[in-house]
Amino acid sequence: MTPEVNNPLDVVSYNVVSYTELQEQNYHIVDKVVGDLQNSPDYSAYLVPGTGFYVREQVYAFANAAAHIQSENQSSQHDEETLNKINKIWKKDALGKTIQDIRSFYQEFIEYRLALPIPTAIRQWNGAPRLFARYGESWVLYEDIVDEEEREGAALSAIRNAERALVENLDNNTKVIMVSPMGWTGLADPPRHDISQIYIYGQDESLTLRVGMSHKEVESFLNSFAGKQVSIEGLSEKQRIKEIMNVAVAVPNCEFLDIAQKVGQVMQSEIVLEDDLGERKLSEMFSAINNREKTTVLGSRVEYLIEKLEEYVNSLNMNDFSESVVANLAVKIGQIVLEIELADGKYKDNLHDNLKVASASLPATDNYKLAAVRLTQRTGCSHGVSKKKSKAETKILCCNCPFCGAFVEAVIKNGLIHCPSCGRSRAWKN
């Protein structure tokens, strides 16, 4: 069941032009402040550059939330109670995205989890089932979170093929499998993927398996489900990758563990991946799958800093999105990621006893500078829903329609939010 959120249909857009201008103004503030931090030896570590975690993008989410709040305050159409509600909704959305990305970063970069949950679900869109991803308080079309330039469009085509196969097989506990093999990405950052990733999509949940499969092993893996659909003999690396990603396999009556078992059979080894933690065994992958729903707890120090970030955001008047606010957000978010690195088992001796909550007036310590360097030495690929300023244009938000009162999965697209129950729409700023 889709998680319940606040009532976004009550948040009405009266001045879209004003919002757009405010958004660009806020992005400019972020760019200026982040640029200043980058050029400061005392603060650049907070931006954790070269790690796959993008502090600037996290602050963009708050800049976007602030623009919504500022626009509604300028419209003069709301009473104080409604404005307070708007303020809470948008701050909660930005904060939720940041915390989600922090936990995902931990699972992939620090914990090196062999099975990574993907928050997805099938939802109705224009009368047809589509694959959506959860991000913060929103559901966005899954294909909209994929970089269309990755692997010269092959990654986006692969997602569309996988979605098509999934919606065509919504019964019999069908899972759809596609593989992103190691190697060339077509991107500047990162230029190559060090590992292969098996994406498994289901109706109510999806999963990524991180494996050390060669292209030949990926070929055998996919063909073990679908017959001779993949053939990479004689192809260049780029051609092999595109050929592999062109195949999405629908497997009926399938569980995640069944697919993991096939990984071991194809690789003919109990070792499914070698990474910074050493040789990773198939049994560890089974354990990660079985425990995928457990909440990731990042340790008392990190959870404390997340709590303090929440307190800081909740105390903000986002109508005043100043340079000092941006600087504080950036260093507080960066401090959490650096503390995650310091709390890792290999580096616990570097923990300092007196934990101070970072602010724009607190330069990075030597331990933080060291942690920033160590983070760049970790293998993996960036994890998160999007690295772009503008999020997907198609969203689903669960709320009570102010027209008919029904609790619905409201659809947001092209500047309108639409109630599927009564059919009425209102302007919406995305």
Protein backbone atom coordinates (compact mmCIF):
# COMPACT_ATOMS: atom_id res chain seq x y z
CA MET A 1 0.00 0.00 0.00
CA THR A 2 1.32 3.42 -0.93
CA PRO A 3 2.58 5.29 2.17
CA GLU A 4 0.37 8.13 3.32
CA VAL A 5 1.71 11.66 3.08
CA ASN A 6 0.41 15.11 3.86
CA ASN A 7 -2.29 16.62 1.67
CA PRO A 8 -0.46 18.14 -1.32
CA LEU A 9 -3.66 18.71 -3.32
CA ASP A 10 -4.48 21.45 -0.84
CA VAL A 11 -1.23 23.21 -1.80
CA VAL A 12 -2.38 25.25 -4.78
CA SER A 13 -0.16 26.98 -7.31
CA TYR A 14 -1.15 30.60 -7.93
CA ASN A 15 2.05 31.98 -9.41
CA VAL A 16 4.09 29.47 -11.43
CA VAL A 17 6.27 32.17 -13.00
CA SER A 18 7.20 33.45 -9.57
CA TYR A 19 8.10 29.92 -8.46
CA THR A 20 10.35 29.34 -11.48
CA GLU A 21 12.19 32.59 -10.91
CA LEU A 22 12.59 31.87 -7.21
CA GLN A 23 13.87 28.36 -7.94
CA GLU A 24 16.58 29.68 -10.27
CA GLN A 25 17.46 32.35 -7.72
CA ASN A 26 17.83 29.72 -5.00
CA TYR A 27 19.90 27.45 -7.25
CA HIS A 28 22.21 30.40 -7.91
CA ILE A 29 22.66 30.88 -4.15
CA VAL A 30 23.50 27.18 -3.78
CA ASP A 31 26.03 27.30 -6.61
CA LYS A 32 27.74 30.36 -5.13
CA VAL A 33 27.95 28.96 -1.61
CA VAL A 34 29.09 25.50 -2.74
CA GLY A 35 31.71 27.16 -4.94
CA ASP A 36 33.00 29.10 -1.94
CA LEU A 37 33.14 25.92 0.15
CA GLN A 38 34.97 24.07 -2.62
CA ASN A 39 37.64 26.76 -2.69
CA SER A 40 38.15 26.70 1.07
CA PRO A 41 40.73 24.23 2.47
CA ASP A 42 38.87 24.37 5.78
CA TYR A 43 35.45 23.45 4.39
CA SER A 44 35.85 21.56 1.10
CA ALA A 45 35.90 18.19 2.89
CA TYR A 46 32.24 18.68 3.84
CA LEU A 47 31.30 18.40 0.15
CA VAL A 48 32.79 14.85 0.01
CA PRO A 49 33.94 15.38 -3.60
CA GLY A 50 34.59 12.42 -5.87
CA THR A 51 32.60 9.99 -3.72
CA GLY A 52 29.30 9.51 -5.52
CA PHE A 53 27.41 11.46 -2.84
CA TYR A 54 26.43 14.88 -4.16
CA VAL A 55 26.00 17.42 -1.36
CA ARG A 56 25.17 20.12 -3.89
CA GLU A 57 22.27 18.04 -5.24
CA GLN A 58 20.94 17.50 -1.72
CA VAL A 59 20.90 21.25 -1.09
CA TYR A 60 19.19 21.77 -4.46
CA ALA A 61 16.26 19.78 -3.03
CA PHE A 62 15.99 22.31 -0.20
CA ALA A 63 16.36 25.17 -2.69
CA ASN A 64 13.42 23.74 -4.62
CA ALA A 65 11.36 23.36 -1.43
CA ALA A 66 12.18 26.94 -0.44
CA ALA A 67 11.04 28.22 -3.85
CA HIS A 68 7.65 26.53 -3.38
CA ILE A 69 7.32 28.04 0.08
CA GLN A 70 8.44 31.51 -1.04
CA SER A 71 6.06 31.47 -4.00
CA GLU A 72 3.08 30.54 -1.85
CA ASN A 73 3.98 33.23 0.69
CA GLN A 74 4.06 35.82 -2.10
CA SER A 75 0.71 34.76 -3.55
CA SER A 76 -1.30 36.29 -0.67
CA GLN A 77 -3.89 33.56 -1.17
CA HIS A 78 -3.33 31.61 2.04
CA ASP A 79 -3.95 32.15 5.73
CA GLU A 80 -1.20 31.53 8.27
CA GLU A 81 -2.34 27.98 9.05
CA THR A 82 -2.18 26.97 5.39
CA LEU A 83 1.24 28.58 4.94
CA ASN A 84 2.57 26.65 7.95
CA LYS A 85 1.21 23.46 6.41
CA ILE A 86 2.90 24.24 3.09
CA ASN A 87 6.16 24.92 4.91
CA LYS A 88 6.03 21.55 6.70
CA ILE A 89 5.15 19.58 3.54
CA TRP A 90 8.05 20.89 1.47
CA LYS A 91 10.62 20.70 4.25
CA LYS A 92 9.56 17.12 4.96
CA ASP A 93 9.90 16.23 1.26
CA ALA A 94 13.44 17.67 0.94
CA LEU A 95 14.55 16.17 4.24
CA GLY A 96 13.12 12.77 3.29
CA LYS A 97 15.06 12.72 0.01
CA THR A 98 18.32 13.59 1.75
CA ILE A 99 17.94 10.95 4.47
CA GLN A 100 16.94 8.36 1.87
CA ASP A 101 20.06 9.14 -0.16
CA ILE A 102 22.29 9.03 2.93
CA ARG A 103 21.04 5.57 3.90
CA SER A 104 21.34 4.33 0.32
CA PHE A 105 24.90 5.69 0.13
CA TYR A 106 25.75 3.84 3.32
CA GLN A 107 24.33 0.55 2.04
CA GLU A 108 26.27 0.69 -1.21
CA PHE A 109 29.52 2.52 -0.45
CA ILE A 110 30.21 1.71 3.20
CA GLU A 111 28.39 -1.52 3.97
CA TYR A 112 28.89 -2.84 0.41
CA ARG A 113 25.62 -4.68 0.70
CA LEU A 114 25.28 -7.42 -1.92
CA ALA A 115 21.52 -6.92 -2.19
CA LEU A 116 20.18 -3.36 -2.34
CA PRO A 117 16.43 -2.72 -2.07
CA ILE A 118 14.91 -0.43 -4.72
CA PRO A 119 11.75 1.41 -3.53
CA THR A 120 9.43 0.70 -6.47
CA ALA A 121 5.79 -0.19 -7.05
CA ILE A 122 3.32 -0.58 -9.92
CA ARG A 123 0.83 2.31 -10.05
CA GLN A 124 -1.85 3.28 -12.52
CA TRP A 125 -0.96 6.04 -14.96
CA ASN A 126 -3.44 7.17 -17.65
CA GLY A 127 -5.38 3.97 -17.12
CA ALA A 128 -2.35 1.70 -17.54
CA PRO A 129 0.05 0.15 -15.02
CA ARG A 130 3.49 1.78 -14.85
CA LEU A 131 6.61 1.27 -12.77
CA PHE A 132 7.23 4.05 -10.23
CA ALA A 133 10.05 4.75 -7.77
CA ARG A 134 9.63 6.27 -4.33
CA TYR A 135 11.75 9.37 -3.63
CA GLY A 136 11.12 11.41 -0.52
CA GLU A 137 7.36 11.97 -0.33
CA SER A 138 6.84 11.38 -4.05
CA TRP A 139 6.41 8.55 -6.50
CA VAL A 140 8.10 9.27 -9.84
CA LEU A 141 8.04 7.33 -13.11
CA TYR A 142 11.00 4.97 -12.92
CA GLU A 143 12.22 5.73 -16.42
CA ASP A 144 12.44 9.42 -15.52
CA ILE A 145 15.20 8.80 -12.98
CA VAL A 146 17.55 7.24 -15.54
CA ASP A 147 20.22 9.35 -17.21
CA GLU A 148 19.35 9.21 -20.90
CA GLU A 149 23.03 9.66 -21.79
CA GLU A 150 24.20 6.60 -19.86
CA ARG A 151 25.59 4.01 -22.25
CA GLU A 152 24.35 6.10 -25.18
CA GLY A 153 20.72 5.53 -24.25
CA ALA A 154 21.03 1.78 -23.67
CA ALA A 155 20.33 2.18 -19.94
CA LEU A 156 17.06 4.02 -20.58
CA SER A 157 16.00 1.51 -23.23
CA ALA A 158 16.78 -1.30 -20.81
CA ILE A 159 14.51 0.20 -18.14
CA ARG A 160 11.70 0.61 -20.65
CA ASN A 161 12.09 -3.00 -21.77
CA ALA A 162 12.05 -4.19 -18.16
CA GLU A 163 8.96 -2.13 -17.33
CA ARG A 164 7.15 -3.41 -20.41
CA ALA A 165 7.95 -7.00 -19.50
CA LEU A 166 6.78 -6.44 -15.92
CA VAL A 167 3.42 -4.84 -16.73
CA GLU A 168 2.73 -7.58 -19.27
CA ASN A 169 3.24 -10.24 -16.57
CA LEU A 170 1.55 -8.96 -13.43
CA ASP A 171 0.39 -12.38 -12.25
CA ASN A 172 2.16 -15.56 -11.07
CA ASN A 173 4.65 -13.67 -8.89
CA THR A 174 6.65 -12.72 -11.96
CA LYS A 175 10.03 -11.05 -11.58
CA VAL A 176 11.75 -9.23 -14.44
CA ILE A 177 15.53 -9.39 -14.69
CA MET A 178 17.91 -7.06 -16.49
CA VAL A 179 21.66 -6.69 -16.03
CA SER A 180 23.92 -3.65 -16.08
CA PRO A 181 27.34 -5.21 -16.75
CA MET A 182 30.68 -3.87 -15.57
CA GLY A 183 32.66 -1.60 -17.90
CA TRP A 184 32.05 1.41 -20.13
CA THR A 185 29.27 3.81 -19.05
CA GLY A 186 29.34 6.56 -21.65
CA LEU A 187 29.47 9.12 -18.82
CA ALA A 188 32.20 11.37 -17.49
CA ASP A 189 31.36 10.38 -13.90
CA PRO A 190 31.79 7.50 -13.49
CA PRO A 191 33.46 6.49 -16.80
CA ARG A 192 33.32 2.79 -15.89
CA HIS A 193 31.40 0.52 -13.53
CA ASP A 194 33.65 -1.78 -11.49
CA ILE A 195 31.00 -4.42 -10.92
CA SER A 196 27.94 -5.88 -12.62
CA GLN A 197 24.50 -5.24 -11.17
CA ILE A 198 21.47 -7.48 -11.59
CA TYR A 199 18.20 -5.56 -11.36
CA ILE A 200 15.16 -7.59 -10.33
CA TYR A 201 11.78 -5.87 -10.61
CA GLY A 202 8.56 -7.04 -8.99
CA GLN A 203 5.06 -5.63 -8.53
CA ASP A 204 5.60 -4.40 -4.98
CA GLU A 205 9.37 -4.37 -4.49
CA SER A 206 12.57 -4.55 -6.47
CA LEU A 207 16.16 -5.42 -5.73
CA THR A 208 19.71 -4.96 -7.04
CA LEU A 209 22.26 -7.75 -6.70
CA ARG A 210 25.93 -6.65 -6.85
CA VAL A 211 28.11 -9.31 -8.47
CA GLY A 212 31.50 -9.77 -10.08
CA MET A 213 30.15 -11.40 -13.22
CA SER A 214 32.15 -11.05 -16.42
CA HIS A 215 30.30 -10.29 -19.65
CA LYS A 216 30.49 -13.98 -20.61
CA GLU A 217 29.00 -14.99 -17.27
CA VAL A 218 26.22 -12.41 -17.68
CA GLU A 219 25.47 -13.88 -21.09
CA SER A 220 25.16 -17.37 -19.56
CA PHE A 221 23.10 -16.04 -16.65
CA LEU A 222 20.48 -14.36 -18.87
CA ASN A 223 20.34 -17.25 -21.32
CA SER A 224 19.74 -19.67 -18.44
CA PHE A 225 16.36 -17.97 -17.98
CA ALA A 226 15.47 -17.05 -21.53
CA GLY A 227 17.16 -19.45 -23.88
CA LYS A 228 19.64 -18.11 -26.44
CA GLN A 229 18.59 -14.45 -26.36
CA VAL A 230 22.04 -12.97 -25.75
CA SER A 231 25.08 -13.48 -27.96
CA ILE A 232 28.22 -11.40 -27.41
CA GLU A 233 30.78 -13.44 -29.33
CA GLY A 234 33.10 -11.22 -31.36
CA LEU A 235 31.64 -7.92 -30.12
CA SER A 236 33.53 -4.93 -28.73
CA GLU A 237 33.06 -4.01 -25.05
CA LYS A 238 30.56 -1.28 -25.92
CA GLN A 239 28.62 -3.61 -28.23
CA ARG A 240 28.60 -6.38 -25.60
CA ILE A 241 27.20 -4.03 -22.97
CA LYS A 242 24.45 -2.76 -25.28
CA GLU A 243 23.56 -6.30 -26.34
CA ILE A 244 23.29 -7.45 -22.71
CA MET A 245 21.20 -4.44 -21.65
CA ASN A 246 18.78 -4.98 -24.52
CA VAL A 247 17.43 -8.11 -22.82
CA ALA A 248 14.78 -8.10 -20.06
CA VAL A 249 13.68 -11.54 -18.91
CA ALA A 250 10.30 -12.23 -17.26
CA VAL A 251 10.51 -15.18 -14.85
CA PRO A 252 7.15 -16.44 -13.46
CA ASN A 253 6.74 -17.94 -9.97
CA CYS A 254 10.10 -16.57 -8.94
CA GLU A 255 11.61 -15.38 -5.67
CA PHE A 256 14.66 -13.17 -5.17
CA LEU A 257 16.53 -16.10 -3.59
CA ASP A 258 15.94 -18.20 -6.72
CA ILE A 259 17.75 -15.64 -8.82
CA ALA A 260 20.61 -15.37 -6.32
CA GLN A 261 20.99 -19.15 -6.43
CA LYS A 262 21.32 -18.96 -10.21
CA VAL A 263 24.17 -16.45 -9.76
CA GLY A 264 26.16 -19.05 -7.80
CA GLN A 265 25.44 -21.74 -10.37
CA VAL A 266 26.58 -19.62 -13.30
CA MET A 267 29.71 -18.34 -11.55
CA GLN A 268 30.43 -21.88 -10.31
CA SER A 269 31.71 -20.47 -7.05
CA GLU A 270 30.64 -19.51 -3.58
CA ILE A 271 32.49 -16.22 -4.17
CA VAL A 272 30.18 -13.85 -6.06
CA LEU A 273 32.17 -10.60 -5.74
CA GLU A 274 35.56 -9.28 -4.64
CA ASP A 275 35.53 -5.71 -3.35
CA ASP A 276 37.04 -3.59 -0.58
CA LEU A 277 35.74 -6.07 2.02
CA GLY A 278 37.47 -8.99 0.30
CA GLU A 279 35.82 -12.14 -1.05
CA ARG A 280 32.03 -11.96 -0.72
CA LYS A 281 30.12 -15.22 -0.49
CA LEU A 282 26.78 -16.32 -1.89
CA SER A 283 25.56 -17.01 1.65
CA GLU A 284 26.10 -13.32 2.43
CA MET A 285 23.92 -12.38 -0.52
CA PHE A 286 21.19 -14.72 0.76
CA SER A 287 21.39 -13.04 4.16
CA ALA A 288 21.16 -9.56 2.62
CA ILE A 289 18.06 -10.60 0.67
CA ASN A 290 16.37 -12.12 3.70
CA ASN A 291 17.08 -9.00 5.79
CA ARG A 292 16.33 -6.41 3.11
CA GLU A 293 13.35 -4.92 4.97
CA LYS A 294 15.27 -4.18 8.15
CA THR A 295 15.82 -0.49 8.77
CA THR A 296 19.42 0.54 8.23
CA VAL A 297 20.75 1.98 11.50
CA LEU A 298 23.93 3.97 10.93
CA GLY A 299 25.28 4.01 14.47
CA SER A 300 24.54 6.28 17.40
CA ARG A 301 26.77 9.16 16.29
CA VAL A 302 25.36 9.29 12.75
CA GLU A 303 21.75 8.84 13.84
CA TYR A 304 22.31 11.66 16.33
CA LEU A 305 23.53 13.94 13.52
CA ILE A 306 20.54 13.01 11.35
CA GLU A 307 18.29 13.94 14.26
CA LYS A 308 20.11 17.27 14.60
CA LEU A 309 19.74 17.89 10.84
CA GLU A 310 16.00 17.30 11.19
CA GLU A 311 15.84 19.72 14.10
CA TYR A 312 17.74 22.36 12.13
CA VAL A 313 15.53 22.01 9.05
CA ASN A 314 12.35 22.09 11.13
CA SER A 315 13.53 25.29 12.81
CA LEU A 316 14.16 27.07 9.50
CA ASN A 317 11.98 29.74 8.00
CA MET A 318 12.43 28.57 4.41
CA ASN A 319 10.96 31.79 3.14
CA ASP A 320 14.42 33.20 3.91
CA PHE A 321 16.74 30.96 1.86
CA SER A 322 19.97 32.82 2.57
CA GLU A 323 23.61 32.01 1.96
CA SER A 324 24.08 31.19 5.64
CA VAL A 325 21.20 28.68 5.50
CA VAL A 326 22.72 27.03 2.42
CA ALA A 327 26.18 26.86 4.01
CA ASN A 328 24.79 25.30 7.18
CA LEU A 329 22.76 22.73 5.23
CA ALA A 330 25.78 21.76 3.13
CA VAL A 331 28.18 21.25 6.03
CA LYS A 332 25.62 19.45 8.19
CA ILE A 333 24.77 16.99 5.39
CA GLY A 334 28.45 16.53 4.58
CA GLN A 335 29.32 15.93 8.23
CA ILE A 336 26.86 13.03 8.36
CA VAL A 337 28.54 11.31 5.40
CA LEU A 338 32.01 11.89 6.87
CA GLU A 339 30.91 10.47 10.22
CA ILE A 340 29.60 7.38 8.42
CA GLU A 341 33.11 6.85 7.04
CA LEU A 342 34.75 7.44 10.42
CA ALA A 343 32.36 4.99 12.09
CA ASP A 344 33.31 2.20 9.70
CA GLY A 345 35.04 -0.68 11.46
CA LYS A 346 38.39 -0.16 9.75
CA TYR A 347 38.69 3.44 10.94
CA LYS A 348 37.12 3.48 14.42
CA ASP A 349 40.42 4.54 15.97
CA ASN A 350 40.02 7.88 14.18
CA LEU A 351 36.82 8.76 16.02
CA HIS A 352 37.08 11.87 18.11
CA ASP A 353 35.43 11.78 21.53
CA ASN A 354 33.65 15.13 21.53
CA LEU A 355 31.17 15.18 18.65
CA LYS A 356 30.25 18.71 17.65
CA VAL A 357 27.40 19.35 15.25
CA ALA A 358 28.84 21.06 12.18
CA SER A 359 27.92 24.57 11.15
CA ALA A 360 29.24 27.14 8.72
CA SER A 361 31.47 28.45 11.51
CA LEU A 362 33.08 25.06 12.27
CA PRO A 363 35.98 24.17 9.91
CA ALA A 364 36.47 20.54 9.00
CA THR A 365 38.77 18.69 11.40
CA ASP A 366 41.80 16.72 10.24
CA ASN A 367 39.78 13.54 10.81
CA TYR A 368 37.08 14.80 8.47
CA LYS A 369 39.66 15.71 5.82
CA LEU A 370 41.11 12.20 6.12
CA ALA A 371 37.64 10.65 5.90
CA ALA A 372 36.92 12.63 2.71
CA VAL A 373 40.07 11.22 1.10
CA ARG A 374 39.26 7.68 2.19
CA LEU A 375 35.76 7.93 0.75
CA THR A 376 37.20 8.67 -2.69
CA GLN A 377 39.17 5.42 -2.50
CA ARG A 378 36.09 3.25 -2.07
CA THR A 379 34.80 1.37 -5.10
CA GLY A 380 31.22 1.45 -6.36
CA CYS A 381 28.92 3.64 -8.38
CA SER A 382 26.78 6.58 -7.32
CA HIS A 383 23.51 5.55 -5.69
CA GLY A 384 20.44 7.73 -5.51
CA VAL A 385 17.41 8.49 -7.55
CA SER A 386 18.70 11.47 -9.47
CA LYS A 387 21.70 13.77 -9.76
CA LYS A 388 19.82 16.46 -11.70
CA LYS A 389 18.43 19.71 -10.34
CA SER A 390 14.99 19.11 -11.81
CA LYS A 391 13.21 15.94 -10.82
CA ALA A 392 10.91 13.89 -13.00
CA GLU A 393 7.84 15.65 -14.36
CA THR A 394 5.48 12.74 -13.64
CA LYS A 395 4.75 12.00 -9.99
CA ILE A 396 2.16 10.30 -7.84
CA LEU A 397 1.25 11.75 -4.44
CA CYS A 398 -1.14 10.08 -2.01
CA CYS A 399 -3.60 12.54 -0.50
CA ASN A 400 -7.22 13.47 0.12
CA CYS A 401 -8.72 15.29 -2.85
CA PRO A 402 -10.07 18.70 -1.73
CA PHE A 403 -12.88 18.41 -4.31
CA CYS A 404 -14.36 14.94 -3.67
CA GLY A 405 -12.64 14.07 -0.37
CA ALA A 406 -11.44 10.66 -1.59
CA PHE A 407 -8.00 9.37 -0.60
CA VAL A 408 -6.33 8.91 -3.98
CA GLU A 409 -3.04 8.44 -5.79
CA ALA A 410 -3.06 11.87 -7.41
CA VAL A 411 -1.11 12.20 -10.65
CA ILE A 412 1.13 15.23 -11.27
CA LYS A 413 2.17 15.98 -14.84
CA ASN A 414 2.72 19.04 -17.03
CA GLY A 415 1.97 21.51 -14.24
CA LEU A 416 -1.32 19.91 -13.13
CA ILE A 417 -2.27 17.62 -10.25
CA HIS A 418 -5.18 15.37 -11.18
CA CYS A 419 -7.64 13.41 -9.02
CA PRO A 420 -8.39 10.00 -10.59
CA SER A 421 -11.59 9.72 -8.52
CA CYS A 422 -13.53 12.84 -9.54
CA GLY A 423 -11.40 13.81 -12.55
CA ARG A 424 -10.79 17.40 -11.43
CA SER A 425 -7.37 19.09 -11.63
CA ARG A 426 -5.52 22.02 -10.20
CA ALA A 427 -2.34 23.82 -11.14
CA TRP A 428 0.78 22.33 -9.63
CA LYS A 429 4.36 23.54 -9.45
CA ASN A 430 6.89 20.78 -10.05
